[in-house]
Amino acid sequence: MQAQEPESALAALDNQSLCSRLACTDWKNDSLYISEEQVFRLFIHARETNNEKRLGLLSDALSRRLISLAKGFAVRSHIYPINIGNLDHAAEEISQYVWECLLKRPGDIKHAQNYFGQFFKRRALDFQRTLLSKKRKQQISLDAMDHSLDEEDSDKTARMVIQLRNGGTPEEVLETRQDHAQVVSRLQAILTREEHSVYTMLYVEEMRVKDIATALNVTPRTVNNYKNNALVKIQKEFKK
């Protein structure tokens, strides 16, 4: 890699010249390449001096480089495809986490100005540990749902199903005194594990589709497919 250019020379560049320099990507051979440490120091200076145009250029450049670093890390660490099935999505999640660290942690700001690659690796590993911890907790929750629903959730699920059957209000449903446990058991019998998990998270836990997709490591479209399949089966079963 070429020797770093003096910071004062980079700061003196006009925005158009700086934009051209930031487009250089061959860090090994291109003498015009600006290192991540220098880009970040210029970013900090632009932010401190309220230079909005330059701040925008440098922010875009840092975002592109973070995405590139994040893609490499996602593949090497097997976050993609094991934990997050879409590489672009995985890179976005990692880079967003690292950005938040850059903007909120004074120690990270100092570290990144001097050793950006080292800083990125540490925070990317933090992201991976956090992701794995969430996955474990979500799996425990999903396993528990597969075995049983507590009484309150059983009531909610039963009301949802019976309303699909006859369009009744919650009060009317309660008056029918249906066997809620039997309804839940029937749901588990007619739905696949994935359909039952999605149905429960949507209508019992009241989770958003994108959050369910993250929990199950699938796309939002797949979540909607599971939901639609579940509703078709439920309508067929309970509208007899």
Protein backbone atom coordinates (compact mmCIF):
# COMPACT_ATOMS: atom_id res chain seq x y z
CA MET A 1 0.00 0.00 0.00
CA GLN A 2 1.20 3.53 -0.80
CA ALA A 3 2.30 5.96 1.90
CA GLN A 4 -0.56 8.04 3.24
CA GLU A 5 -0.99 11.51 1.83
CA PRO A 6 -0.78 14.41 4.34
CA GLU A 7 -4.16 15.19 5.87
CA SER A 8 -3.81 18.88 5.02
CA ALA A 9 -3.54 18.06 1.30
CA LEU A 10 -6.75 16.02 1.41
CA ALA A 11 -8.57 18.70 3.36
CA ALA A 12 -7.59 21.26 0.70
CA LEU A 13 -9.27 19.31 -2.13
CA ASP A 14 -12.49 20.73 -3.53
CA ASN A 15 -15.56 18.53 -3.33
CA GLN A 16 -15.38 17.36 -6.94
CA SER A 17 -11.72 16.35 -6.62
CA LEU A 18 -12.42 14.65 -3.30
CA CYS A 19 -15.33 12.73 -4.84
CA SER A 20 -13.01 11.42 -7.58
CA ARG A 21 -10.42 10.38 -5.04
CA LEU A 22 -12.99 8.60 -2.91
CA ALA A 23 -13.97 6.52 -5.94
CA CYS A 24 -10.48 4.93 -6.01
CA THR A 25 -10.66 1.39 -4.62
CA ASP A 26 -7.24 -0.19 -5.29
CA TRP A 27 -5.71 0.26 -1.85
CA LYS A 28 -2.63 -1.78 -2.74
CA ASN A 29 -1.44 -0.01 -5.87
CA ASP A 30 -3.32 3.26 -6.42
CA SER A 31 -1.47 6.25 -4.98
CA LEU A 32 -4.73 8.25 -5.06
CA TYR A 33 -6.49 5.83 -2.70
CA ILE A 34 -7.59 7.40 0.60
CA SER A 35 -7.46 5.03 3.56
CA GLU A 36 -10.47 4.36 5.78
CA GLU A 37 -8.73 6.05 8.69
CA GLN A 38 -8.23 9.22 6.65
CA VAL A 39 -11.78 9.14 5.30
CA PHE A 40 -13.13 8.86 8.82
CA ARG A 41 -10.91 11.67 10.13
CA LEU A 42 -12.10 13.89 7.29
CA PHE A 43 -15.68 12.88 8.15
CA ILE A 44 -15.19 13.91 11.78
CA HIS A 45 -13.69 17.25 10.73
CA ALA A 46 -16.56 17.95 8.31
CA ARG A 47 -19.06 17.15 11.03
CA GLU A 48 -17.33 19.41 13.54
CA THR A 49 -17.20 22.31 11.05
CA ASN A 50 -20.79 21.78 9.82
CA ASN A 51 -19.63 21.34 6.21
CA GLU A 52 -22.77 19.57 5.01
CA LYS A 53 -21.75 18.97 1.39
CA ARG A 54 -18.42 17.44 2.35
CA LEU A 55 -20.05 15.52 5.17
CA GLY A 56 -22.44 13.96 2.67
CA LEU A 57 -19.61 12.89 0.35
CA LEU A 58 -17.65 11.34 3.17
CA SER A 59 -20.69 9.69 4.72
CA ASP A 60 -21.53 8.02 1.40
CA ALA A 61 -17.93 6.87 0.98
CA LEU A 62 -17.82 5.40 4.49
CA SER A 63 -21.15 3.66 3.93
CA ARG A 64 -19.88 2.02 0.73
CA ARG A 65 -16.71 0.85 2.43
CA LEU A 66 -18.57 -0.45 5.46
CA ILE A 67 -20.91 -2.42 3.19
CA SER A 68 -17.91 -3.90 1.38
CA LEU A 69 -16.21 -4.86 4.65
CA ALA A 70 -19.49 -6.20 6.01
CA LYS A 71 -20.07 -8.46 3.00
CA GLY A 72 -16.64 -10.00 3.41
CA PHE A 73 -17.17 -10.51 7.13
CA ALA A 74 -20.66 -11.99 6.64
CA VAL A 75 -19.26 -14.65 4.31
CA ARG A 76 -16.15 -15.44 6.38
CA SER A 77 -18.09 -15.67 9.63
CA HIS A 78 -20.93 -17.65 7.99
CA ILE A 79 -23.51 -15.10 9.10
CA TYR A 80 -24.43 -15.48 5.45
CA PRO A 81 -26.04 -17.83 4.58
CA ILE A 82 -26.48 -19.64 7.92
CA ASN A 83 -27.96 -16.85 10.04
CA ILE A 84 -29.11 -14.34 7.42
CA GLY A 85 -30.04 -15.80 4.07
CA ASN A 86 -29.53 -12.67 1.96
CA LEU A 87 -25.99 -11.29 1.63
CA ASP A 88 -27.08 -7.70 1.00
CA HIS A 89 -29.38 -7.85 4.03
CA ALA A 90 -26.61 -9.29 6.18
CA ALA A 91 -24.17 -6.56 5.08
CA GLU A 92 -26.74 -3.84 5.78
CA GLU A 93 -27.39 -5.17 9.29
CA ILE A 94 -23.68 -5.37 10.13
CA SER A 95 -22.79 -1.98 8.66
CA GLN A 96 -25.71 -0.30 10.45
CA TYR A 97 -24.54 -1.71 13.77
CA VAL A 98 -20.98 -0.51 13.13
CA TRP A 99 -22.24 2.94 12.08
CA GLU A 100 -24.15 3.27 15.35
CA CYS A 101 -20.97 2.46 17.27
CA LEU A 102 -19.06 5.09 15.29
CA LEU A 103 -21.61 7.77 16.02
CA LYS A 104 -22.29 7.02 19.68
CA ARG A 105 -19.10 5.70 21.31
CA PRO A 106 -16.21 8.14 21.90
CA GLY A 107 -13.75 5.27 22.38
CA ASP A 108 -14.76 3.74 19.05
CA ILE A 109 -14.41 7.09 17.30
CA LYS A 110 -10.82 7.39 18.48
CA HIS A 111 -10.04 3.78 17.63
CA ALA A 112 -11.48 4.07 14.11
CA GLN A 113 -9.42 7.17 13.35
CA ASN A 114 -6.23 5.21 13.89
CA TYR A 115 -7.04 1.54 13.17
CA PHE A 116 -10.27 1.39 11.19
CA GLY A 117 -9.93 -2.23 10.07
CA GLN A 118 -9.27 -3.43 13.61
CA PHE A 119 -12.17 -1.38 14.92
CA PHE A 120 -14.51 -2.81 12.27
CA LYS A 121 -13.55 -6.39 13.04
CA ARG A 122 -14.17 -5.96 16.77
CA ARG A 123 -17.59 -4.43 16.31
CA ALA A 124 -18.56 -6.91 13.61
CA LEU A 125 -17.73 -9.71 16.06
CA ASP A 126 -19.90 -7.96 18.65
CA PHE A 127 -22.74 -7.94 16.12
CA GLN A 128 -22.25 -11.65 15.46
CA ARG A 129 -22.36 -12.50 19.17
CA THR A 130 -25.51 -10.42 19.63
CA LEU A 131 -27.13 -12.05 16.60
CA LEU A 132 -26.35 -15.57 17.82
CA SER A 133 -27.69 -14.74 21.27
CA LYS A 134 -30.95 -13.49 19.77
CA LYS A 135 -31.22 -16.57 17.57
CA ARG A 136 -30.81 -18.87 20.57
CA LYS A 137 -33.50 -17.02 22.52
CA GLN A 138 -35.86 -17.05 19.53
CA GLN A 139 -35.32 -20.77 18.99
CA ILE A 140 -36.10 -21.48 22.63
CA SER A 141 -39.28 -19.44 22.23
CA LEU A 142 -40.26 -21.27 19.04
CA ASP A 143 -39.60 -24.66 20.62
CA ALA A 144 -41.80 -23.73 23.55
CA MET A 145 -44.59 -22.71 21.19
CA ASP A 146 -44.39 -26.06 19.46
CA HIS A 147 -45.08 -27.90 22.70
CA SER A 148 -47.76 -25.76 24.32
CA LEU A 149 -49.43 -22.39 24.51
CA ASP A 150 -50.31 -20.95 27.90
CA GLU A 151 -53.96 -20.45 28.77
CA GLU A 152 -54.10 -16.82 27.71
CA ASP A 153 -52.56 -17.51 24.32
CA SER A 154 -54.84 -20.49 23.84
CA ASP A 155 -57.83 -18.22 24.39
CA LYS A 156 -56.54 -15.73 21.82
CA THR A 157 -55.84 -18.42 19.24
CA ALA A 158 -59.19 -20.10 19.72
CA ARG A 159 -61.05 -16.82 19.32
CA MET A 160 -59.16 -16.09 16.11
CA VAL A 161 -60.07 -19.47 14.63
CA ILE A 162 -63.74 -19.40 15.62
CA GLN A 163 -64.11 -15.87 14.28
CA LEU A 164 -62.78 -17.13 10.96
CA ARG A 165 -65.41 -19.85 11.09
CA ASN A 166 -68.52 -17.83 11.81
CA GLY A 167 -67.61 -14.14 11.87
CA GLY A 168 -68.67 -13.82 15.50
CA THR A 169 -67.54 -11.15 17.94
CA PRO A 170 -65.18 -11.99 20.85
CA GLU A 171 -68.13 -11.84 23.24
CA GLU A 172 -70.08 -14.31 21.11
CA VAL A 173 -67.07 -16.55 20.91
CA LEU A 174 -66.69 -16.63 24.66
CA GLU A 175 -70.36 -17.50 25.00
CA THR A 176 -69.91 -20.61 22.90
CA ARG A 177 -67.60 -22.03 25.59
CA GLN A 178 -65.51 -23.91 23.02
CA ASP A 179 -62.78 -26.22 24.15
CA HIS A 180 -59.81 -23.97 23.52
CA ALA A 181 -57.21 -26.62 24.11
CA GLN A 182 -58.88 -28.82 21.51
CA VAL A 183 -58.81 -25.99 18.96
CA VAL A 184 -55.12 -25.35 19.57
CA SER A 185 -54.39 -29.05 19.25
CA ARG A 186 -56.26 -29.13 15.96
CA LEU A 187 -54.25 -26.17 14.67
CA GLN A 188 -51.03 -27.99 15.43
CA ALA A 189 -52.33 -31.03 13.56
CA ILE A 190 -53.38 -29.29 10.34
CA LEU A 191 -50.56 -26.76 10.04
CA THR A 192 -46.90 -27.39 9.34
CA ARG A 193 -44.43 -26.28 11.98
CA GLU A 194 -43.53 -23.20 9.94
CA GLU A 195 -47.17 -22.28 9.27
CA HIS A 196 -48.07 -22.69 12.94
CA SER A 197 -45.10 -20.59 14.08
CA VAL A 198 -45.93 -17.80 11.63
CA TYR A 199 -49.64 -17.89 12.50
CA THR A 200 -48.90 -17.73 16.23
CA MET A 201 -46.36 -14.94 15.91
CA LEU A 202 -48.70 -12.90 13.70
CA TYR A 203 -51.98 -13.29 15.55
CA VAL A 204 -50.98 -14.18 19.09
CA GLU A 205 -47.67 -12.41 19.59
CA GLU A 206 -48.74 -9.64 17.18
CA MET A 207 -45.28 -9.45 15.60
CA ARG A 208 -44.57 -7.64 12.35
CA VAL A 209 -43.88 -9.63 9.20
CA LYS A 210 -40.31 -8.36 8.86
CA ASP A 211 -39.54 -9.29 12.48
CA ILE A 212 -40.93 -12.78 11.94
CA ALA A 213 -38.80 -13.09 8.81
CA THR A 214 -35.71 -12.21 10.83
CA ALA A 215 -36.63 -14.65 13.60
CA LEU A 216 -37.16 -17.52 11.17
CA ASN A 217 -34.28 -16.55 8.86
CA VAL A 218 -36.55 -16.32 5.80
CA THR A 219 -37.78 -13.54 3.53
CA PRO A 220 -40.95 -11.51 4.25
CA ARG A 221 -42.47 -13.08 1.13
CA THR A 222 -41.94 -16.54 2.63
CA VAL A 223 -43.62 -15.42 5.85
CA ASN A 224 -46.64 -14.22 3.86
CA ASN A 225 -46.76 -17.54 2.01
CA TYR A 226 -46.81 -19.45 5.31
CA LYS A 227 -49.54 -17.12 6.60
CA ASN A 228 -51.68 -17.52 3.51
CA ASN A 229 -51.28 -21.30 3.54
CA ALA A 230 -52.25 -21.40 7.21
CA LEU A 231 -55.36 -19.27 6.68
CA VAL A 232 -56.51 -21.44 3.78
CA LYS A 233 -56.18 -24.58 5.91
CA ILE A 234 -57.90 -22.96 8.89
CA GLN A 235 -60.82 -21.72 6.81
CA LYS A 236 -61.23 -25.16 5.25
CA GLU A 237 -61.07 -26.91 8.62
CA PHE A 238 -63.30 -24.63 10.68
CA LYS A 239 -65.85 -23.46 8.14
CA LYS A 240 -67.34 -26.90 7.72
